[in-house]
ModelCIF file with pLDDT and N, C-alpha, C, O atoms, coordinates in Angstrom:
data_MODEL
#
_entry.id   MODEL 
#
_entity.id                         1 
_entity.type                       polymer 
_entity.pdbx_number_of_molecules   1 
#
_entity_poly.entity_id                      1 
_entity_poly.type                           'polypeptide(L)' 
_entity_poly.nstd_linkage                   no 
_entity_poly.nstd_monomer                   no 
_entity_poly.pdbx_seq_one_letter_code       LEAGGVDFDIIAGVAVGGVPHSSALAYILQKPSVFVRKEEKAHG 
_entity_poly.pdbx_seq_one_letter_code_can   LEAGGVDFDIIAGVAVGGVPHSSALAYILQKPSVFVRKEEKAHG 
_entity_poly.pdbx_strand_id                 A 
#
loop_
_entity_poly_seq.entity_id 
_entity_poly_seq.num 
_entity_poly_seq.mon_id 
_entity_poly_seq.hetero 
1 1  LEU n 
1 2  GLU n 
1 3  ALA n 
1 4  GLY n 
1 5  GLY n 
1 6  VAL n 
1 7  ASP n 
1 8  PHE n 
1 9  ASP n 
1 10 ILE n 
1 11 ILE n 
1 12 ALA n 
1 13 GLY n 
1 14 VAL n 
1 15 ALA n 
1 16 VAL n 
1 17 GLY n 
1 18 GLY n 
1 19 VAL n 
1 20 PRO n 
1 21 HIS n 
1 22 SER n 
1 23 SER n 
1 24 ALA n 
1 25 LEU n 
1 26 ALA n 
1 27 TYR n 
1 28 ILE n 
1 29 LEU n 
1 30 GLN n 
1 31 LYS n 
1 32 PRO n 
1 33 SER n 
1 34 VAL n 
1 35 PHE n 
1 36 VAL n 
1 37 ARG n 
1 38 LYS n 
1 39 GLU n 
1 40 GLU n 
1 41 LYS n 
1 42 ALA n 
1 43 HIS n 
1 44 GLY n 
#
_struct_asym.id          A 
_struct_asym.entity_id   1 
#
loop_
_ma_qa_metric.id 
_ma_qa_metric.mode 
_ma_qa_metric.name 
_ma_qa_metric.software_group_id 
_ma_qa_metric.type 
1 global pLDDT . pLDDT 
2 local  pLDDT . pLDDT 
#
_ma_qa_metric_global.metric_id      1 
_ma_qa_metric_global.metric_value   91.91 
_ma_qa_metric_global.model_id       1 
_ma_qa_metric_global.ordinal_id     1 
#
loop_
_ma_qa_metric_local.label_asym_id 
_ma_qa_metric_local.label_comp_id 
_ma_qa_metric_local.label_seq_id 
_ma_qa_metric_local.metric_id 
_ma_qa_metric_local.metric_value 
_ma_qa_metric_local.model_id 
_ma_qa_metric_local.ordinal_id 
A LEU 1  2 96.00 1 1  
A GLU 2  2 95.00 1 2  
A ALA 3  2 95.00 1 3  
A GLY 4  2 93.00 1 4  
A GLY 5  2 96.00 1 5  
A VAL 6  2 97.00 1 6  
A ASP 7  2 96.00 1 7  
A PHE 8  2 98.00 1 8  
A ASP 9  2 98.00 1 9  
A ILE 10 2 98.00 1 10 
A ILE 11 2 98.00 1 11 
A ALA 12 2 98.00 1 12 
A GLY 13 2 98.00 1 13 
A VAL 14 2 95.00 1 14 
A ALA 15 2 93.00 1 15 
A VAL 16 2 93.00 1 16 
A GLY 17 2 94.00 1 17 
A GLY 18 2 96.00 1 18 
A VAL 19 2 97.00 1 19 
A PRO 20 2 97.00 1 20 
A HIS 21 2 98.00 1 21 
A SER 22 2 98.00 1 22 
A SER 23 2 98.00 1 23 
A ALA 24 2 98.00 1 24 
A LEU 25 2 98.00 1 25 
A ALA 26 2 98.00 1 26 
A TYR 27 2 98.00 1 27 
A ILE 28 2 97.00 1 28 
A LEU 29 2 98.00 1 29 
A GLN 30 2 98.00 1 30 
A LYS 31 2 98.00 1 31 
A PRO 32 2 98.00 1 32 
A SER 33 2 98.00 1 33 
A VAL 34 2 98.00 1 34 
A PHE 35 2 97.00 1 35 
A VAL 36 2 97.00 1 36 
A ARG 37 2 94.00 1 37 
A LYS 38 2 86.00 1 38 
A GLU 39 2 78.00 1 39 
A GLU 40 2 68.00 1 40 
A LYS 41 2 61.00 1 41 
A ALA 42 2 55.00 1 42 
A HIS 43 2 59.00 1 43 
A GLY 44 2 57.00 1 44 
#
loop_
_atom_site.group_PDB 
_atom_site.id 
_atom_site.type_symbol 
_atom_site.label_atom_id 
_atom_site.label_alt_id 
_atom_site.label_comp_id 
_atom_site.label_asym_id 
_atom_site.label_entity_id 
_atom_site.label_seq_id 
_atom_site.pdbx_PDB_ins_code 
_atom_site.Cartn_x 
_atom_site.Cartn_y 
_atom_site.Cartn_z 
_atom_site.occupancy 
_atom_site.B_iso_or_equiv 
_atom_site.pdbx_formal_charge 
_atom_site.auth_seq_id 
_atom_site.auth_comp_id 
_atom_site.auth_asym_id 
_atom_site.auth_atom_id 
_atom_site.pdbx_PDB_model_num 
ATOM 1   N N  . LEU A 1 1  ? 1.821  -10.958 -7.417  1.00 96.00 ? 1  LEU A N  1 
ATOM 2   C CA . LEU A 1 1  ? 2.227  -12.166 -8.129  1.00 96.00 ? 1  LEU A CA 1 
ATOM 3   C C  . LEU A 1 1  ? 1.443  -13.380 -7.648  1.00 96.00 ? 1  LEU A C  1 
ATOM 4   O O  . LEU A 1 1  ? 1.070  -14.243 -8.444  1.00 96.00 ? 1  LEU A O  1 
ATOM 5   N N  . GLU A 1 2  ? 1.198  -13.443 -6.351  1.00 95.00 ? 2  GLU A N  1 
ATOM 6   C CA . GLU A 1 2  ? 0.418  -14.559 -5.813  1.00 95.00 ? 2  GLU A CA 1 
ATOM 7   C C  . GLU A 1 2  ? -1.017 -14.512 -6.319  1.00 95.00 ? 2  GLU A C  1 
ATOM 8   O O  . GLU A 1 2  ? -1.587 -15.535 -6.700  1.00 95.00 ? 2  GLU A O  1 
ATOM 9   N N  . ALA A 1 3  ? -1.596 -13.314 -6.318  1.00 95.00 ? 3  ALA A N  1 
ATOM 10  C CA . ALA A 1 3  ? -2.980 -13.171 -6.779  1.00 95.00 ? 3  ALA A CA 1 
ATOM 11  C C  . ALA A 1 3  ? -3.115 -13.483 -8.266  1.00 95.00 ? 3  ALA A C  1 
ATOM 12  O O  . ALA A 1 3  ? -4.124 -14.031 -8.708  1.00 95.00 ? 3  ALA A O  1 
ATOM 13  N N  . GLY A 1 4  ? -2.084 -13.127 -9.032  1.00 93.00 ? 4  GLY A N  1 
ATOM 14  C CA . GLY A 1 4  ? -2.123 -13.360 -10.473 1.00 93.00 ? 4  GLY A CA 1 
ATOM 15  C C  . GLY A 1 4  ? -1.676 -14.744 -10.886 1.00 93.00 ? 4  GLY A C  1 
ATOM 16  O O  . GLY A 1 4  ? -1.740 -15.090 -12.066 1.00 93.00 ? 4  GLY A O  1 
ATOM 17  N N  . GLY A 1 5  ? -1.223 -15.544 -9.931  1.00 96.00 ? 5  GLY A N  1 
ATOM 18  C CA . GLY A 1 5  ? -0.774 -16.897 -10.239 1.00 96.00 ? 5  GLY A CA 1 
ATOM 19  C C  . GLY A 1 5  ? 0.407  -16.931 -11.186 1.00 96.00 ? 5  GLY A C  1 
ATOM 20  O O  . GLY A 1 5  ? 0.530  -17.845 -12.001 1.00 96.00 ? 5  GLY A O  1 
ATOM 21  N N  . VAL A 1 6  ? 1.282  -15.930 -11.083 1.00 97.00 ? 6  VAL A N  1 
ATOM 22  C CA . VAL A 1 6  ? 2.459  -15.860 -11.960 1.00 97.00 ? 6  VAL A CA 1 
ATOM 23  C C  . VAL A 1 6  ? 3.481  -16.906 -11.527 1.00 97.00 ? 6  VAL A C  1 
ATOM 24  O O  . VAL A 1 6  ? 3.878  -16.954 -10.363 1.00 97.00 ? 6  VAL A O  1 
ATOM 25  N N  . ASP A 1 7  ? 3.897  -17.731 -12.463 1.00 96.00 ? 7  ASP A N  1 
ATOM 26  C CA . ASP A 1 7  ? 4.795  -18.843 -12.168 1.00 96.00 ? 7  ASP A CA 1 
ATOM 27  C C  . ASP A 1 7  ? 6.193  -18.530 -12.687 1.00 96.00 ? 7  ASP A C  1 
ATOM 28  O O  . ASP A 1 7  ? 6.339  -18.115 -13.837 1.00 96.00 ? 7  ASP A O  1 
ATOM 29  N N  . PHE A 1 8  ? 7.219  -18.718 -11.868 1.00 98.00 ? 8  PHE A N  1 
ATOM 30  C CA . PHE A 1 8  ? 8.585  -18.415 -12.294 1.00 98.00 ? 8  PHE A CA 1 
ATOM 31  C C  . PHE A 1 8  ? 9.588  -19.166 -11.425 1.00 98.00 ? 8  PHE A C  1 
ATOM 32  O O  . PHE A 1 8  ? 9.291  -19.566 -10.300 1.00 98.00 ? 8  PHE A O  1 
ATOM 33  N N  . ASP A 1 9  ? 10.784 -19.344 -11.982 1.00 98.00 ? 9  ASP A N  1 
ATOM 34  C CA . ASP A 1 9  ? 11.870 -20.013 -11.270 1.00 98.00 ? 9  ASP A CA 1 
ATOM 35  C C  . ASP A 1 9  ? 12.898 -19.025 -10.738 1.00 98.00 ? 9  ASP A C  1 
ATOM 36  O O  . ASP A 1 9  ? 13.493 -19.238 -9.681  1.00 98.00 ? 9  ASP A O  1 
ATOM 37  N N  . ILE A 1 10 ? 13.102 -17.933 -11.489 1.00 98.00 ? 10 ILE A N  1 
ATOM 38  C CA . ILE A 1 10 ? 14.143 -16.954 -11.190 1.00 98.00 ? 10 ILE A CA 1 
ATOM 39  C C  . ILE A 1 10 ? 13.545 -15.559 -11.309 1.00 98.00 ? 10 ILE A C  1 
ATOM 40  O O  . ILE A 1 10 ? 12.677 -15.317 -12.147 1.00 98.00 ? 10 ILE A O  1 
ATOM 41  N N  . ILE A 1 11 ? 14.014 -14.644 -10.465 1.00 98.00 ? 11 ILE A N  1 
ATOM 42  C CA . ILE A 1 11 ? 13.620 -13.242 -10.563 1.00 98.00 ? 11 ILE A CA 1 
ATOM 43  C C  . ILE A 1 11 ? 14.804 -12.445 -11.089 1.00 98.00 ? 11 ILE A C  1 
ATOM 44  O O  . ILE A 1 11 ? 15.911 -12.538 -10.558 1.00 98.00 ? 11 ILE A O  1 
ATOM 45  N N  . ALA A 1 12 ? 14.565 -11.661 -12.135 1.00 98.00 ? 12 ALA A N  1 
ATOM 46  C CA . ALA A 1 12 ? 15.620 -10.837 -12.729 1.00 98.00 ? 12 ALA A CA 1 
ATOM 47  C C  . ALA A 1 12 ? 15.279 -9.366  -12.563 1.00 98.00 ? 12 ALA A C  1 
ATOM 48  O O  . ALA A 1 12 ? 14.120 -8.972  -12.697 1.00 98.00 ? 12 ALA A O  1 
ATOM 49  N N  . GLY A 1 13 ? 16.289 -8.557  -12.271 1.00 98.00 ? 13 GLY A N  1 
ATOM 50  C CA . GLY A 1 13 ? 16.096 -7.126  -12.170 1.00 98.00 ? 13 GLY A CA 1 
ATOM 51  C C  . GLY A 1 13 ? 16.812 -6.421  -13.298 1.00 98.00 ? 13 GLY A C  1 
ATOM 52  O O  . GLY A 1 13 ? 17.887 -6.846  -13.721 1.00 98.00 ? 13 GLY A O  1 
ATOM 53  N N  . VAL A 1 14 ? 16.217 -5.339  -13.791 1.00 95.00 ? 14 VAL A N  1 
ATOM 54  C CA . VAL A 1 14 ? 16.846 -4.537  -14.831 1.00 95.00 ? 14 VAL A CA 1 
ATOM 55  C C  . VAL A 1 14 ? 17.763 -3.523  -14.148 1.00 95.00 ? 14 VAL A C  1 
ATOM 56  O O  . VAL A 1 14 ? 17.313 -2.736  -13.316 1.00 95.00 ? 14 VAL A O  1 
ATOM 57  N N  . ALA A 1 15 ? 19.034 -3.543  -14.497 1.00 93.00 ? 15 ALA A N  1 
ATOM 58  C CA . ALA A 1 15 ? 19.985 -2.607  -13.902 1.00 93.00 ? 15 ALA A CA 1 
ATOM 59  C C  . ALA A 1 15 ? 19.710 -1.185  -14.380 1.00 93.00 ? 15 ALA A C  1 
ATOM 60  O O  . ALA A 1 15 ? 19.399 -0.986  -15.555 1.00 93.00 ? 15 ALA A O  1 
ATOM 61  N N  . VAL A 1 16 ? 19.815 -0.204  -13.508 1.00 93.00 ? 16 VAL A N  1 
ATOM 62  C CA . VAL A 1 16 ? 20.084 -0.431  -12.098 1.00 93.00 ? 16 VAL A CA 1 
ATOM 63  C C  . VAL A 1 16 ? 18.811 -0.317  -11.259 1.00 93.00 ? 16 VAL A C  1 
ATOM 64  O O  . VAL A 1 16 ? 18.737 -0.857  -10.155 1.00 93.00 ? 16 VAL A O  1 
ATOM 65  N N  . GLY A 1 17 ? 17.826 0.378   -11.781 1.00 94.00 ? 17 GLY A N  1 
ATOM 66  C CA . GLY A 1 17 ? 16.649 0.708   -10.992 1.00 94.00 ? 17 GLY A CA 1 
ATOM 67  C C  . GLY A 1 17 ? 15.846 -0.472  -10.482 1.00 94.00 ? 17 GLY A C  1 
ATOM 68  O O  . GLY A 1 17 ? 15.265 -0.395  -9.400  1.00 94.00 ? 17 GLY A O  1 
ATOM 69  N N  . GLY A 1 18 ? 15.800 -1.562  -11.235 1.00 96.00 ? 18 GLY A N  1 
ATOM 70  C CA . GLY A 1 18 ? 14.989 -2.702  -10.814 1.00 96.00 ? 18 GLY A CA 1 
ATOM 71  C C  . GLY A 1 18 ? 15.679 -3.656  -9.872  1.00 96.00 ? 18 GLY A C  1 
ATOM 72  O O  . GLY A 1 18 ? 15.023 -4.483  -9.240  1.00 96.00 ? 18 GLY A O  1 
ATOM 73  N N  . VAL A 1 19 ? 17.010 -3.559  -9.762  1.00 97.00 ? 19 VAL A N  1 
ATOM 74  C CA . VAL A 1 19 ? 17.785 -4.558  -9.023  1.00 97.00 ? 19 VAL A CA 1 
ATOM 75  C C  . VAL A 1 19 ? 17.491 -4.597  -7.518  1.00 97.00 ? 19 VAL A C  1 
ATOM 76  O O  . VAL A 1 19 ? 17.332 -5.693  -6.979  1.00 97.00 ? 19 VAL A O  1 
ATOM 77  N N  . PRO A 1 20 ? 17.410 -3.463  -6.811  1.00 97.00 ? 20 PRO A N  1 
ATOM 78  C CA . PRO A 1 20 ? 17.109 -3.570  -5.382  1.00 97.00 ? 20 PRO A CA 1 
ATOM 79  C C  . PRO A 1 20 ? 15.781 -4.280  -5.107  1.00 97.00 ? 20 PRO A C  1 
ATOM 80  O O  . PRO A 1 20 ? 15.669 -5.073  -4.172  1.00 97.00 ? 20 PRO A O  1 
ATOM 81  N N  . HIS A 1 21 ? 14.788 -3.984  -5.929  1.00 98.00 ? 21 HIS A N  1 
ATOM 82  C CA . HIS A 1 21 ? 13.450 -4.542  -5.713  1.00 98.00 ? 21 HIS A CA 1 
ATOM 83  C C  . HIS A 1 21 ? 13.397 -6.023  -6.099  1.00 98.00 ? 21 HIS A C  1 
ATOM 84  O O  . HIS A 1 21 ? 12.765 -6.823  -5.409  1.00 98.00 ? 21 HIS A O  1 
ATOM 85  N N  . SER A 1 22 ? 14.054 -6.384  -7.194  1.00 98.00 ? 22 SER A N  1 
ATOM 86  C CA . SER A 1 22 ? 14.086 -7.796  -7.593  1.00 98.00 ? 22 SER A CA 1 
ATOM 87  C C  . SER A 1 22 ? 14.848 -8.623  -6.569  1.00 98.00 ? 22 SER A C  1 
ATOM 88  O O  . SER A 1 22 ? 14.462 -9.752  -6.265  1.00 98.00 ? 22 SER A O  1 
ATOM 89  N N  . SER A 1 23 ? 15.931 -8.064  -6.038  1.00 98.00 ? 23 SER A N  1 
ATOM 90  C CA . SER A 1 23 ? 16.739 -8.785  -5.045  1.00 98.00 ? 23 SER A CA 1 
ATOM 91  C C  . SER A 1 23 ? 15.972 -8.975  -3.744  1.00 98.00 ? 23 SER A C  1 
ATOM 92  O O  . SER A 1 23 ? 15.979 -10.061 -3.166  1.00 98.00 ? 23 SER A O  1 
ATOM 93  N N  . ALA A 1 24 ? 15.304 -7.904  -3.283  1.00 98.00 ? 24 ALA A N  1 
ATOM 94  C CA . ALA A 1 24 ? 14.526 -8.001  -2.046  1.00 98.00 ? 24 ALA A CA 1 
ATOM 95  C C  . ALA A 1 24 ? 13.377 -8.991  -2.201  1.00 98.00 ? 24 ALA A C  1 
ATOM 96  O O  . ALA A 1 24 ? 13.100 -9.774  -1.292  1.00 98.00 ? 24 ALA A O  1 
ATOM 97  N N  . LEU A 1 25 ? 12.714 -8.956  -3.343  1.00 98.00 ? 25 LEU A N  1 
ATOM 98  C CA . LEU A 1 25 ? 11.600 -9.866  -3.598  1.00 98.00 ? 25 LEU A CA 1 
ATOM 99  C C  . LEU A 1 25 ? 12.086 -11.309 -3.652  1.00 98.00 ? 25 LEU A C  1 
ATOM 100 O O  . LEU A 1 25 ? 11.448 -12.204 -3.098  1.00 98.00 ? 25 LEU A O  1 
ATOM 101 N N  . ALA A 1 26 ? 13.215 -11.536 -4.319  1.00 98.00 ? 26 ALA A N  1 
ATOM 102 C CA . ALA A 1 26 ? 13.770 -12.884 -4.412  1.00 98.00 ? 26 ALA A CA 1 
ATOM 103 C C  . ALA A 1 26 ? 14.150 -13.408 -3.032  1.00 98.00 ? 26 ALA A C  1 
ATOM 104 O O  . ALA A 1 26 ? 13.956 -14.586 -2.731  1.00 98.00 ? 26 ALA A O  1 
ATOM 105 N N  . TYR A 1 27 ? 14.688 -12.533 -2.203  1.00 98.00 ? 27 TYR A N  1 
ATOM 106 C CA . TYR A 1 27 ? 15.064 -12.926 -0.837  1.00 98.00 ? 27 TYR A CA 1 
ATOM 107 C C  . TYR A 1 27 ? 13.841 -13.376 -0.047  1.00 98.00 ? 27 TYR A C  1 
ATOM 108 O O  . TYR A 1 27 ? 13.872 -14.405 0.628   1.00 98.00 ? 27 TYR A O  1 
ATOM 109 N N  . ILE A 1 28 ? 12.772 -12.605 -0.135  1.00 97.00 ? 28 ILE A N  1 
ATOM 110 C CA . ILE A 1 28 ? 11.553 -12.930 0.603   1.00 97.00 ? 28 ILE A CA 1 
ATOM 111 C C  . ILE A 1 28 ? 10.931 -14.235 0.098   1.00 97.00 ? 28 ILE A C  1 
ATOM 112 O O  . ILE A 1 28 ? 10.471 -15.063 0.885   1.00 97.00 ? 28 ILE A O  1 
ATOM 113 N N  . LEU A 1 29 ? 10.927 -14.402 -1.226  1.00 98.00 ? 29 LEU A N  1 
ATOM 114 C CA . LEU A 1 29 ? 10.297 -15.583 -1.824  1.00 98.00 ? 29 LEU A CA 1 
ATOM 115 C C  . LEU A 1 29 ? 11.229 -16.781 -1.903  1.00 98.00 ? 29 LEU A C  1 
ATOM 116 O O  . LEU A 1 29 ? 10.828 -17.866 -2.324  1.00 98.00 ? 29 LEU A O  1 
ATOM 117 N N  . GLN A 1 30 ? 12.483 -16.575 -1.493  1.00 98.00 ? 30 GLN A N  1 
ATOM 118 C CA . GLN A 1 30 ? 13.501 -17.628 -1.538  1.00 98.00 ? 30 GLN A CA 1 
ATOM 119 C C  . GLN A 1 30 ? 13.651 -18.191 -2.949  1.00 98.00 ? 30 GLN A C  1 
ATOM 120 O O  . GLN A 1 30 ? 13.627 -19.401 -3.178  1.00 98.00 ? 30 GLN A O  1 
ATOM 121 N N  . LYS A 1 31 ? 13.808 -17.248 -3.886  1.00 98.00 ? 31 LYS A N  1 
ATOM 122 C CA . LYS A 1 31 ? 14.020 -17.592 -5.285  1.00 98.00 ? 31 LYS A CA 1 
ATOM 123 C C  . LYS A 1 31 ? 15.407 -17.119 -5.726  1.00 98.00 ? 31 LYS A C  1 
ATOM 124 O O  . LYS A 1 31 ? 15.927 -16.136 -5.198  1.00 98.00 ? 31 LYS A O  1 
ATOM 125 N N  . PRO A 1 32 ? 16.000 -17.812 -6.685  1.00 98.00 ? 32 PRO A N  1 
ATOM 126 C CA . PRO A 1 32 ? 17.267 -17.324 -7.246  1.00 98.00 ? 32 PRO A CA 1 
ATOM 127 C C  . PRO A 1 32 ? 17.061 -15.969 -7.912  1.00 98.00 ? 32 PRO A C  1 
ATOM 128 O O  . PRO A 1 32 ? 15.975 -15.667 -8.407  1.00 98.00 ? 32 PRO A O  1 
ATOM 129 N N  . SER A 1 33 ? 18.112 -15.161 -7.918  1.00 98.00 ? 33 SER A N  1 
ATOM 130 C CA . SER A 1 33 ? 18.011 -13.814 -8.478  1.00 98.00 ? 33 SER A CA 1 
ATOM 131 C C  . SER A 1 33 ? 19.189 -13.520 -9.397  1.00 98.00 ? 33 SER A C  1 
ATOM 132 O O  . SER A 1 33 ? 20.323 -13.910 -9.119  1.00 98.00 ? 33 SER A O  1 
ATOM 133 N N  . VAL A 1 34 ? 18.906 -12.831 -10.486 1.00 98.00 ? 34 VAL A N  1 
ATOM 134 C CA . VAL A 1 34 ? 19.943 -12.365 -11.408 1.00 98.00 ? 34 VAL A CA 1 
ATOM 135 C C  . VAL A 1 34 ? 19.629 -10.912 -11.754 1.00 98.00 ? 34 VAL A C  1 
ATOM 136 O O  . VAL A 1 34 ? 18.551 -10.407 -11.439 1.00 98.00 ? 34 VAL A O  1 
ATOM 137 N N  . PHE A 1 35 ? 20.573 -10.252 -12.399 1.00 97.00 ? 35 PHE A N  1 
ATOM 138 C CA . PHE A 1 35 ? 20.255 -8.934  -12.927 1.00 97.00 ? 35 PHE A CA 1 
ATOM 139 C C  . PHE A 1 35 ? 20.774 -8.803  -14.340 1.00 97.00 ? 35 PHE A C  1 
ATOM 140 O O  . PHE A 1 35 ? 21.726 -9.473  -14.739 1.00 97.00 ? 35 PHE A O  1 
ATOM 141 N N  . VAL A 1 36 ? 20.130 -7.924  -15.092 1.00 97.00 ? 36 VAL A N  1 
ATOM 142 C CA . VAL A 1 36 ? 20.440 -7.747  -16.507 1.00 97.00 ? 36 VAL A CA 1 
ATOM 143 C C  . VAL A 1 36 ? 21.010 -6.352  -16.719 1.00 97.00 ? 36 VAL A C  1 
ATOM 144 O O  . VAL A 1 36 ? 20.359 -5.352  -16.419 1.00 97.00 ? 36 VAL A O  1 
ATOM 145 N N  . ARG A 1 37 ? 22.230 -6.295  -17.239 1.00 94.00 ? 37 ARG A N  1 
ATOM 146 C CA . ARG A 1 37 ? 22.857 -5.013  -17.545 1.00 94.00 ? 37 ARG A CA 1 
ATOM 147 C C  . ARG A 1 37 ? 22.184 -4.372  -18.753 1.00 94.00 ? 37 ARG A C  1 
ATOM 148 O O  . ARG A 1 37 ? 21.553 -5.049  -19.564 1.00 94.00 ? 37 ARG A O  1 
ATOM 149 N N  . LYS A 1 38 ? 22.330 -3.061  -18.854 1.00 86.00 ? 38 LYS A N  1 
ATOM 150 C CA . LYS A 1 38 ? 21.771 -2.362  -20.009 1.00 86.00 ? 38 LYS A CA 1 
ATOM 151 C C  . LYS A 1 38 ? 22.514 -2.728  -21.290 1.00 86.00 ? 38 LYS A C  1 
ATOM 152 O O  . LYS A 1 38 ? 21.945 -2.708  -22.381 1.00 86.00 ? 38 LYS A O  1 
ATOM 153 N N  . GLU A 1 39 ? 23.785 -3.062  -21.138 1.00 78.00 ? 39 GLU A N  1 
ATOM 154 C CA . GLU A 1 39 ? 24.586 -3.486  -22.282 1.00 78.00 ? 39 GLU A CA 1 
ATOM 155 C C  . GLU A 1 39 ? 25.664 -4.440  -21.795 1.00 78.00 ? 39 GLU A C  1 
ATOM 156 O O  . GLU A 1 39 ? 25.924 -4.531  -20.596 1.00 78.00 ? 39 GLU A O  1 
ATOM 157 N N  . GLU A 1 40 ? 26.287 -5.147  -22.721 1.00 68.00 ? 40 GLU A N  1 
ATOM 158 C CA . GLU A 1 40 ? 27.329 -6.093  -22.349 1.00 68.00 ? 40 GLU A CA 1 
ATOM 159 C C  . GLU A 1 40 ? 28.533 -5.372  -21.755 1.00 68.00 ? 40 GLU A C  1 
ATOM 160 O O  . GLU A 1 40 ? 28.865 -4.253  -22.147 1.00 68.00 ? 40 GLU A O  1 
ATOM 161 N N  . LYS A 1 41 ? 29.177 -6.035  -20.805 1.00 61.00 ? 41 LYS A N  1 
ATOM 162 C CA . LYS A 1 41 ? 30.387 -5.475  -20.219 1.00 61.00 ? 41 LYS A CA 1 
ATOM 163 C C  . LYS A 1 41 ? 31.478 -5.369  -21.284 1.00 61.00 ? 41 LYS A C  1 
ATOM 164 O O  . LYS A 1 41 ? 31.596 -6.212  -22.174 1.00 61.00 ? 41 LYS A O  1 
ATOM 165 N N  . ALA A 1 42 ? 32.268 -4.305  -21.160 1.00 55.00 ? 42 ALA A N  1 
ATOM 166 C CA . ALA A 1 42 ? 33.362 -4.110  -22.117 1.00 55.00 ? 42 ALA A CA 1 
ATOM 167 C C  . ALA A 1 42 ? 34.594 -4.892  -21.714 1.00 55.00 ? 42 ALA A C  1 
ATOM 168 O O  . ALA A 1 42 ? 35.590 -4.882  -22.437 1.00 55.00 ? 42 ALA A O  1 
ATOM 169 N N  . HIS A 1 43 ? 34.551 -5.574  -20.573 1.00 59.00 ? 43 HIS A N  1 
ATOM 170 C CA . HIS A 1 43 ? 35.699 -6.348  -20.113 1.00 59.00 ? 43 HIS A CA 1 
ATOM 171 C C  . HIS A 1 43 ? 35.192 -7.647  -19.479 1.00 59.00 ? 43 HIS A C  1 
ATOM 172 O O  . HIS A 1 43 ? 33.986 -7.884  -19.408 1.00 59.00 ? 43 HIS A O  1 
ATOM 173 N N  . GLY A 1 44 ? 36.112 -8.470  -19.025 1.00 57.00 ? 44 GLY A N  1 
ATOM 174 C CA . GLY A 1 44 ? 35.736 -9.741  -18.415 1.00 57.00 ? 44 GLY A CA 1 
ATOM 175 C C  . GLY A 1 44 ? 35.037 -10.655 -19.410 1.00 57.00 ? 44 GLY A C  1 
ATOM 176 O O  . GLY A 1 44 ? 34.652 -11.771 -19.059 1.00 57.00 ? 44 GLY A O  1 
#
């Protein structure tokens, strides 16, 4: 990302496989992190 000059405010992970990596990357880069479910929750 640094080499490619990719600019972003938030890192999002695709549930479930992408979430550990997006979270770890956000932690290292000190960026906010979210995750995206495959579908909307049926409750809440």
